[in-house]
Amino acid sequence: MKNIQISPSILSADFSQLGTEIKRLEEGGADMIHVDVMDGHFVPNLTIGPPVIKALRKHCTLKFDVHLMISPVHKYIKAYADAGADIITIHPEATQNLKESIKTIKDFKKKVGISLNPESKIELLTEFLDQIDLVLIMSVNPGFGGQKFMPEVLDKIKQLKKIQQEKNLSFDIEIDGGINFENCKIAIEAGANILVSGTTVFKSNDGDIKKNINLLKLK
């Protein structure tokens, strides 16, 4: 079993102090930084773009785990690669040619992630599992932080874990949406090895990031 990693979402950070907040995450033991990019079109919210990621890059040595909830996504891959993303995760529904988008991300020497919304079928990505580095399972409908965890998506994680073992593949399984100290255990048991968490990391235990990260790792 892979080591459990925590990728805190800066969607829950103090946006007026993002550089400081990212340093707090690094000092608190975060494994990477999760950056939610929303366009107000593919999902009903607007967040940050490449200039902000580029500015934050100098404040942190951790990997930037960039989740692009934008459509059409293909033409923006280069901008986020150039800005400093280490992992670029896209949605199958947001590109006209998923195979070509995967190739483009790889051409920029970035890790490739594919994300499935709660209603998205696993069949959208099964043929690409040997070509990618990460599958991100959304356990809320994307667009806003602070939503309630949807346990029904755990079946997808179990299916992915089974395929991974049967085909001897090594992609990471990441889960994002409403992750807290209670449901992190069932997510890990289902097969997730990367947990995205925003509110829990930043707000619980009076903002003790190190403690919160360790609790999510079941330490």
C-alpha atoms as a PDB file:
ATOM      1  CA  MET A   1       0.000   0.000   0.000  1.00  0.00           C
ATOM      2  CA  LYS A   2       1.280   3.462  -0.902  1.00  0.00           C
ATOM      3  CA  ASN A   3       1.996   5.975   1.828  1.00  0.00           C
ATOM      4  CA  ILE A   4      -0.901   8.320   2.514  1.00  0.00           C
ATOM      5  CA  GLN A   5      -0.270  11.839   1.266  1.00  0.00           C
ATOM      6  CA  ILE A   6      -2.147  15.026   2.092  1.00  0.00           C
ATOM      7  CA  SER A   7      -2.706  17.683  -0.572  1.00  0.00           C
ATOM      8  CA  PRO A   8      -4.316  20.663   1.202  1.00  0.00           C
ATOM      9  CA  SER A   9      -6.584  22.774  -0.966  1.00  0.00           C
ATOM     10  CA  ILE A  10      -5.716  26.457  -0.870  1.00  0.00           C
ATOM     11  CA  LEU A  11      -9.356  27.182  -1.698  1.00  0.00           C
ATOM     12  CA  SER A  12      -9.804  27.290   2.096  1.00  0.00           C
ATOM     13  CA  ALA A  13      -6.738  29.453   2.736  1.00  0.00           C
ATOM     14  CA  ASP A  14      -6.700  33.178   3.513  1.00  0.00           C
ATOM     15  CA  PHE A  15      -6.440  34.564  -0.033  1.00  0.00           C
ATOM     16  CA  SER A  16      -4.999  37.838   1.253  1.00  0.00           C
ATOM     17  CA  GLN A  17      -2.039  35.864   2.688  1.00  0.00           C
ATOM     18  CA  LEU A  18      -1.552  33.051   0.174  1.00  0.00           C
ATOM     19  CA  GLY A  19       2.242  33.121   0.211  1.00  0.00           C
ATOM     20  CA  THR A  20       2.263  32.851   4.005  1.00  0.00           C
ATOM     21  CA  GLU A  21      -0.447  30.192   3.980  1.00  0.00           C
ATOM     22  CA  ILE A  22       1.545  27.996   1.600  1.00  0.00           C
ATOM     23  CA  LYS A  23       4.619  28.306   3.818  1.00  0.00           C
ATOM     24  CA  ARG A  24       2.458  27.208   6.773  1.00  0.00           C
ATOM     25  CA  LEU A  25       1.368  24.130   4.815  1.00  0.00           C
ATOM     26  CA  GLU A  26       4.942  23.227   3.923  1.00  0.00           C
ATOM     27  CA  GLU A  27       6.098  23.640   7.538  1.00  0.00           C
ATOM     28  CA  GLY A  28       3.063  21.675   8.722  1.00  0.00           C
ATOM     29  CA  GLY A  29       3.986  18.572   6.748  1.00  0.00           C
ATOM     30  CA  ALA A  30       1.816  18.839   3.629  1.00  0.00           C
ATOM     31  CA  ASP A  31       2.969  16.528   0.846  1.00  0.00           C
ATOM     32  CA  MET A  32       1.843  18.816  -1.974  1.00  0.00           C
ATOM     33  CA  ILE A  33      -0.346  21.863  -2.582  1.00  0.00           C
ATOM     34  CA  HIS A  34      -3.748  21.393  -4.229  1.00  0.00           C
ATOM     35  CA  VAL A  35      -4.747  24.277  -6.475  1.00  0.00           C
ATOM     36  CA  ASP A  36      -8.387  24.367  -7.594  1.00  0.00           C
ATOM     37  CA  VAL A  37      -8.778  26.240 -10.863  1.00  0.00           C
ATOM     38  CA  MET A  38     -12.389  27.071 -11.771  1.00  0.00           C
ATOM     39  CA  ASP A  39     -13.665  29.037 -14.754  1.00  0.00           C
ATOM     40  CA  GLY A  40     -17.279  29.880 -13.906  1.00  0.00           C
ATOM     41  CA  HIS A  41     -18.283  27.820 -16.957  1.00  0.00           C
ATOM     42  CA  PHE A  42     -17.357  24.165 -16.414  1.00  0.00           C
ATOM     43  CA  VAL A  43     -18.118  24.682 -12.713  1.00  0.00           C
ATOM     44  CA  PRO A  44     -20.145  27.489 -11.079  1.00  0.00           C
ATOM     45  CA  ASN A  45     -17.302  29.398  -9.479  1.00  0.00           C
ATOM     46  CA  LEU A  46     -14.229  31.448 -10.374  1.00  0.00           C
ATOM     47  CA  THR A  47     -10.856  31.039  -8.666  1.00  0.00           C
ATOM     48  CA  ILE A  48      -7.258  31.644  -9.685  1.00  0.00           C
ATOM     49  CA  GLY A  49      -5.276  31.571 -12.913  1.00  0.00           C
ATOM     50  CA  PRO A  50      -1.673  31.069 -14.075  1.00  0.00           C
ATOM     51  CA  PRO A  51      -0.281  34.421 -12.797  1.00  0.00           C
ATOM     52  CA  VAL A  52      -1.239  33.577  -9.211  1.00  0.00           C
ATOM     53  CA  ILE A  53       0.292  30.087  -9.459  1.00  0.00           C
ATOM     54  CA  LYS A  54       3.479  31.586 -10.906  1.00  0.00           C
ATOM     55  CA  ALA A  55       3.659  34.098  -8.056  1.00  0.00           C
ATOM     56  CA  LEU A  56       3.103  31.404  -5.408  1.00  0.00           C
ATOM     57  CA  ARG A  57       5.684  29.058  -6.906  1.00  0.00           C
ATOM     58  CA  LYS A  58       8.587  30.997  -5.355  1.00  0.00           C
ATOM     59  CA  HIS A  59       7.108  30.600  -1.864  1.00  0.00           C
ATOM     60  CA  CYS A  60       7.150  26.805  -1.849  1.00  0.00           C
ATOM     61  CA  THR A  61       9.232  23.771  -2.803  1.00  0.00           C
ATOM     62  CA  LEU A  62       6.316  21.317  -2.637  1.00  0.00           C
ATOM     63  CA  LYS A  63       4.683  19.945  -5.761  1.00  0.00           C
ATOM     64  CA  PHE A  64       1.735  21.934  -7.106  1.00  0.00           C
ATOM     65  CA  ASP A  65      -1.202  19.590  -7.662  1.00  0.00           C
ATOM     66  CA  VAL A  66      -3.275  21.674 -10.097  1.00  0.00           C
ATOM     67  CA  HIS A  67      -6.868  20.626 -10.763  1.00  0.00           C
ATOM     68  CA  LEU A  68      -8.224  22.299 -13.887  1.00  0.00           C
ATOM     69  CA  MET A  69     -12.011  22.589 -13.728  1.00  0.00           C
ATOM     70  CA  ILE A  70     -12.135  24.568 -16.960  1.00  0.00           C
ATOM     71  CA  SER A  71     -13.539  23.951 -20.431  1.00  0.00           C
ATOM     72  CA  PRO A  72     -12.255  23.752 -23.090  1.00  0.00           C
ATOM     73  CA  VAL A  73      -9.175  22.749 -21.112  1.00  0.00           C
ATOM     74  CA  HIS A  74      -6.725  21.767 -23.846  1.00  0.00           C
ATOM     75  CA  LYS A  75      -5.710  25.270 -24.905  1.00  0.00           C
ATOM     76  CA  TYR A  76      -4.837  26.224 -21.312  1.00  0.00           C
ATOM     77  CA  ILE A  77      -2.517  23.312 -20.518  1.00  0.00           C
ATOM     78  CA  LYS A  78       0.611  25.177 -21.633  1.00  0.00           C
ATOM     79  CA  ALA A  79      -0.197  28.231 -19.485  1.00  0.00           C
ATOM     80  CA  TYR A  80      -0.507  26.147 -16.307  1.00  0.00           C
ATOM     81  CA  ALA A  81       2.557  24.070 -17.148  1.00  0.00           C
ATOM     82  CA  ASP A  82       4.587  27.251 -17.643  1.00  0.00           C
ATOM     83  CA  ALA A  83       3.197  28.756 -14.422  1.00  0.00           C
ATOM     84  CA  GLY A  84       4.679  25.959 -12.323  1.00  0.00           C
ATOM     85  CA  ALA A  85       2.158  23.124 -12.059  1.00  0.00           C
ATOM     86  CA  ASP A  86       3.765  19.744 -11.334  1.00  0.00           C
ATOM     87  CA  ILE A  87       0.621  17.659 -11.712  1.00  0.00           C
ATOM     88  CA  ILE A  88      -2.076  18.777 -14.157  1.00  0.00           C
ATOM     89  CA  THR A  89      -5.455  17.131 -13.669  1.00  0.00           C
ATOM     90  CA  ILE A  90      -8.223  17.517 -16.217  1.00  0.00           C
ATOM     91  CA  HIS A  91     -11.780  16.252 -16.708  1.00  0.00           C
ATOM     92  CA  PRO A  92     -12.633  13.967 -19.662  1.00  0.00           C
ATOM     93  CA  GLU A  93     -15.746  16.028 -20.369  1.00  0.00           C
ATOM     94  CA  ALA A  94     -13.677  19.225 -20.703  1.00  0.00           C
ATOM     95  CA  THR A  95     -11.598  18.194 -23.704  1.00  0.00           C
ATOM     96  CA  GLN A  96     -12.530  17.099 -27.220  1.00  0.00           C
ATOM     97  CA  ASN A  97      -9.644  14.635 -27.321  1.00  0.00           C
ATOM     98  CA  LEU A  98      -8.536  13.182 -23.993  1.00  0.00           C
ATOM     99  CA  LYS A  99      -5.711  11.190 -25.574  1.00  0.00           C
ATOM    100  CA  GLU A 100      -4.260  14.341 -27.136  1.00  0.00           C
ATOM    101  CA  SER A 101      -4.596  16.323 -23.897  1.00  0.00           C
ATOM    102  CA  ILE A 102      -2.775  13.584 -21.977  1.00  0.00           C
ATOM    103  CA  LYS A 103       0.032  13.685 -24.560  1.00  0.00           C
ATOM    104  CA  THR A 104       0.270  17.474 -24.320  1.00  0.00           C
ATOM    105  CA  ILE A 105       0.637  17.383 -20.535  1.00  0.00           C
ATOM    106  CA  LYS A 106       3.356  14.740 -20.892  1.00  0.00           C
ATOM    107  CA  ASP A 107       5.104  16.797 -23.567  1.00  0.00           C
ATOM    108  CA  PHE A 108       5.510  19.536 -20.962  1.00  0.00           C
ATOM    109  CA  LYS A 109       7.103  16.955 -18.635  1.00  0.00           C
ATOM    110  CA  LYS A 110       4.250  17.187 -16.127  1.00  0.00           C
ATOM    111  CA  LYS A 111       2.409  14.406 -14.340  1.00  0.00           C
ATOM    112  CA  VAL A 112      -1.037  13.656 -15.752  1.00  0.00           C
ATOM    113  CA  GLY A 113      -4.215  13.411 -13.702  1.00  0.00           C
ATOM    114  CA  ILE A 114      -7.779  12.664 -14.788  1.00  0.00           C
ATOM    115  CA  SER A 115     -10.701  13.627 -12.571  1.00  0.00           C
ATOM    116  CA  LEU A 116     -14.166  12.121 -12.326  1.00  0.00           C
ATOM    117  CA  ASN A 117     -17.119  14.062 -10.970  1.00  0.00           C
ATOM    118  CA  PRO A 118     -19.569  12.132  -8.749  1.00  0.00           C
ATOM    119  CA  GLU A 119     -21.838  11.346 -11.712  1.00  0.00           C
ATOM    120  CA  SER A 120     -19.003  10.602 -14.194  1.00  0.00           C
ATOM    121  CA  LYS A 121     -18.549   6.963 -15.186  1.00  0.00           C
ATOM    122  CA  ILE A 122     -15.256   5.180 -14.605  1.00  0.00           C
ATOM    123  CA  GLU A 123     -15.360   4.012 -18.232  1.00  0.00           C
ATOM    124  CA  LEU A 124     -14.384   7.537 -19.311  1.00  0.00           C
ATOM    125  CA  LEU A 125     -10.804   6.859 -18.244  1.00  0.00           C
ATOM    126  CA  THR A 126     -10.231   3.100 -17.994  1.00  0.00           C
ATOM    127  CA  GLU A 127      -8.472   2.864 -21.366  1.00  0.00           C
ATOM    128  CA  PHE A 128      -5.997   5.553 -20.272  1.00  0.00           C
ATOM    129  CA  LEU A 129      -5.014   4.165 -16.872  1.00  0.00           C
ATOM    130  CA  ASP A 130      -1.668   2.887 -18.170  1.00  0.00           C
ATOM    131  CA  GLN A 131      -0.822   6.368 -19.491  1.00  0.00           C
ATOM    132  CA  ILE A 132      -1.555   8.565 -16.490  1.00  0.00           C
ATOM    133  CA  ASP A 133      -0.124   9.222 -13.042  1.00  0.00           C
ATOM    134  CA  LEU A 134      -3.210  10.039 -10.993  1.00  0.00           C
ATOM    135  CA  VAL A 135      -6.973   9.603 -10.844  1.00  0.00           C
ATOM    136  CA  LEU A 136      -8.868  12.227  -8.849  1.00  0.00           C
ATOM    137  CA  ILE A 137     -12.273  11.118  -7.595  1.00  0.00           C
ATOM    138  CA  MET A 138     -14.536  14.012  -6.644  1.00  0.00           C
ATOM    139  CA  SER A 139     -16.573  13.265  -3.517  1.00  0.00           C
ATOM    140  CA  VAL A 140     -18.599  16.474  -3.903  1.00  0.00           C
ATOM    141  CA  ASN A 141     -19.952  18.263  -6.960  1.00  0.00           C
ATOM    142  CA  PRO A 142     -17.071  20.585  -7.888  1.00  0.00           C
ATOM    143  CA  GLY A 143     -17.425  24.328  -7.635  1.00  0.00           C
ATOM    144  CA  PHE A 144     -17.338  25.293  -3.973  1.00  0.00           C
ATOM    145  CA  GLY A 145     -15.464  24.321  -0.809  1.00  0.00           C
ATOM    146  CA  GLY A 146     -17.090  23.122   2.403  1.00  0.00           C
ATOM    147  CA  GLN A 147     -19.550  20.648   0.851  1.00  0.00           C
ATOM    148  CA  LYS A 148     -20.666  17.372   2.420  1.00  0.00           C
ATOM    149  CA  PHE A 149     -18.807  14.176   1.517  1.00  0.00           C
ATOM    150  CA  MET A 150     -20.618  11.770  -0.842  1.00  0.00           C
ATOM    151  CA  PRO A 151     -19.786   8.209   0.284  1.00  0.00           C
ATOM    152  CA  GLU A 152     -21.273   6.632  -2.847  1.00  0.00           C
ATOM    153  CA  VAL A 153     -18.142   7.573  -4.827  1.00  0.00           C
ATOM    154  CA  LEU A 154     -16.085   5.106  -2.793  1.00  0.00           C
ATOM    155  CA  ASP A 155     -17.280   2.333  -5.115  1.00  0.00           C
ATOM    156  CA  LYS A 156     -15.337   4.007  -7.936  1.00  0.00           C
ATOM    157  CA  ILE A 157     -12.201   4.003  -5.820  1.00  0.00           C
ATOM    158  CA  LYS A 158     -12.659   0.301  -5.067  1.00  0.00           C
ATOM    159  CA  GLN A 159     -13.094  -0.423  -8.784  1.00  0.00           C
ATOM    160  CA  LEU A 160      -9.957   1.559  -9.607  1.00  0.00           C
ATOM    161  CA  LYS A 161      -7.978  -0.241  -6.910  1.00  0.00           C
ATOM    162  CA  LYS A 162      -9.083  -3.591  -8.312  1.00  0.00           C
ATOM    163  CA  ILE A 163      -8.053  -2.643 -11.861  1.00  0.00           C
ATOM    164  CA  GLN A 164      -4.767  -1.259 -10.544  1.00  0.00           C
ATOM    165  CA  GLN A 165      -3.922  -4.529  -8.815  1.00  0.00           C
ATOM    166  CA  GLU A 166      -5.092  -6.772 -11.666  1.00  0.00           C
ATOM    167  CA  LYS A 167      -3.075  -4.871 -14.283  1.00  0.00           C
ATOM    168  CA  ASN A 168      -0.135  -4.042 -12.002  1.00  0.00           C
ATOM    169  CA  LEU A 169      -0.470  -0.288 -12.578  1.00  0.00           C
ATOM    170  CA  SER A 170       0.979   2.406 -10.335  1.00  0.00           C
ATOM    171  CA  PHE A 171      -1.264   5.490 -10.662  1.00  0.00           C
ATOM    172  CA  ASP A 172      -2.185   7.396  -7.507  1.00  0.00           C
ATOM    173  CA  ILE A 173      -5.815   7.523  -6.374  1.00  0.00           C
ATOM    174  CA  GLU A 174      -6.768  10.920  -5.003  1.00  0.00           C
ATOM    175  CA  ILE A 175     -10.055  11.935  -3.400  1.00  0.00           C
ATOM    176  CA  ASP A 176     -11.349  15.485  -3.032  1.00  0.00           C
ATOM    177  CA  GLY A 177     -14.468  16.836  -1.378  1.00  0.00           C
ATOM    178  CA  GLY A 178     -15.595  17.076   2.212  1.00  0.00           C
ATOM    179  CA  ILE A 179     -12.675  15.030   3.560  1.00  0.00           C
ATOM    180  CA  ASN A 180     -12.487  15.160   7.356  1.00  0.00           C
ATOM    181  CA  PHE A 181     -11.207  13.156  10.333  1.00  0.00           C
ATOM    182  CA  GLU A 182     -14.207  10.828  10.225  1.00  0.00           C
ATOM    183  CA  ASN A 183     -14.412   9.876   6.559  1.00  0.00           C
ATOM    184  CA  CYS A 184     -10.680   9.863   5.769  1.00  0.00           C
ATOM    185  CA  LYS A 185     -10.490   6.329   7.165  1.00  0.00           C
ATOM    186  CA  ILE A 186     -13.090   4.883   4.790  1.00  0.00           C
ATOM    187  CA  ALA A 187     -11.519   6.727   1.858  1.00  0.00           C
ATOM    188  CA  ILE A 188      -8.133   5.188   2.663  1.00  0.00           C
ATOM    189  CA  GLU A 189      -9.666   1.754   3.203  1.00  0.00           C
ATOM    190  CA  ALA A 190     -11.362   2.009  -0.211  1.00  0.00           C
ATOM    191  CA  GLY A 191      -7.961   2.590  -1.827  1.00  0.00           C
ATOM    192  CA  ALA A 192      -7.251   6.319  -1.894  1.00  0.00           C
ATOM    193  CA  ASN A 193      -3.652   7.265  -1.144  1.00  0.00           C
ATOM    194  CA  ILE A 194      -3.868  11.050  -1.630  1.00  0.00           C
ATOM    195  CA  LEU A 195      -6.415  13.055   0.347  1.00  0.00           C
ATOM    196  CA  VAL A 196      -7.346  16.594  -0.660  1.00  0.00           C
ATOM    197  CA  SER A 197      -8.674  18.609   2.247  1.00  0.00           C
ATOM    198  CA  GLY A 198      -9.220  22.310   2.674  1.00  0.00           C
ATOM    199  CA  THR A 199     -11.559  23.247   5.497  1.00  0.00           C
ATOM    200  CA  THR A 200     -10.360  20.448   7.789  1.00  0.00           C
ATOM    201  CA  VAL A 201      -6.667  21.309   7.335  1.00  0.00           C
ATOM    202  CA  PHE A 202      -7.053  25.059   7.748  1.00  0.00           C
ATOM    203  CA  LYS A 203      -9.914  25.376  10.245  1.00  0.00           C
ATOM    204  CA  SER A 204      -9.893  22.399  12.628  1.00  0.00           C
ATOM    205  CA  ASN A 205      -8.107  22.409  15.995  1.00  0.00           C
ATOM    206  CA  ASP A 206      -7.713  26.193  15.943  1.00  0.00           C
ATOM    207  CA  GLY A 207      -5.836  26.020  12.650  1.00  0.00           C
ATOM    208  CA  ASP A 208      -3.128  23.606  13.852  1.00  0.00           C
ATOM    209  CA  ILE A 209      -2.104  22.477  10.360  1.00  0.00           C
ATOM    210  CA  LYS A 210       0.503  19.945  11.447  1.00  0.00           C
ATOM    211  CA  LYS A 211      -1.915  18.247  13.842  1.00  0.00           C
ATOM    212  CA  ASN A 212      -4.687  18.196  11.258  1.00  0.00           C
ATOM    213  CA  ILE A 213      -2.475  16.697   8.561  1.00  0.00           C
ATOM    214  CA  ASN A 214      -1.302  13.958  10.921  1.00  0.00           C
ATOM    215  CA  LEU A 215      -4.869  13.174  11.954  1.00  0.00           C
ATOM    216  CA  LEU A 216      -5.909  12.837   8.315  1.00  0.00           C
ATOM    217  CA  LYS A 217      -3.031  10.409   7.794  1.00  0.00           C
ATOM    218  CA  LEU A 218      -4.444   8.423  10.757  1.00  0.00           C
ATOM    219  CA  LYS A 219      -1.270   9.019  12.745  1.00  0.00           C
END
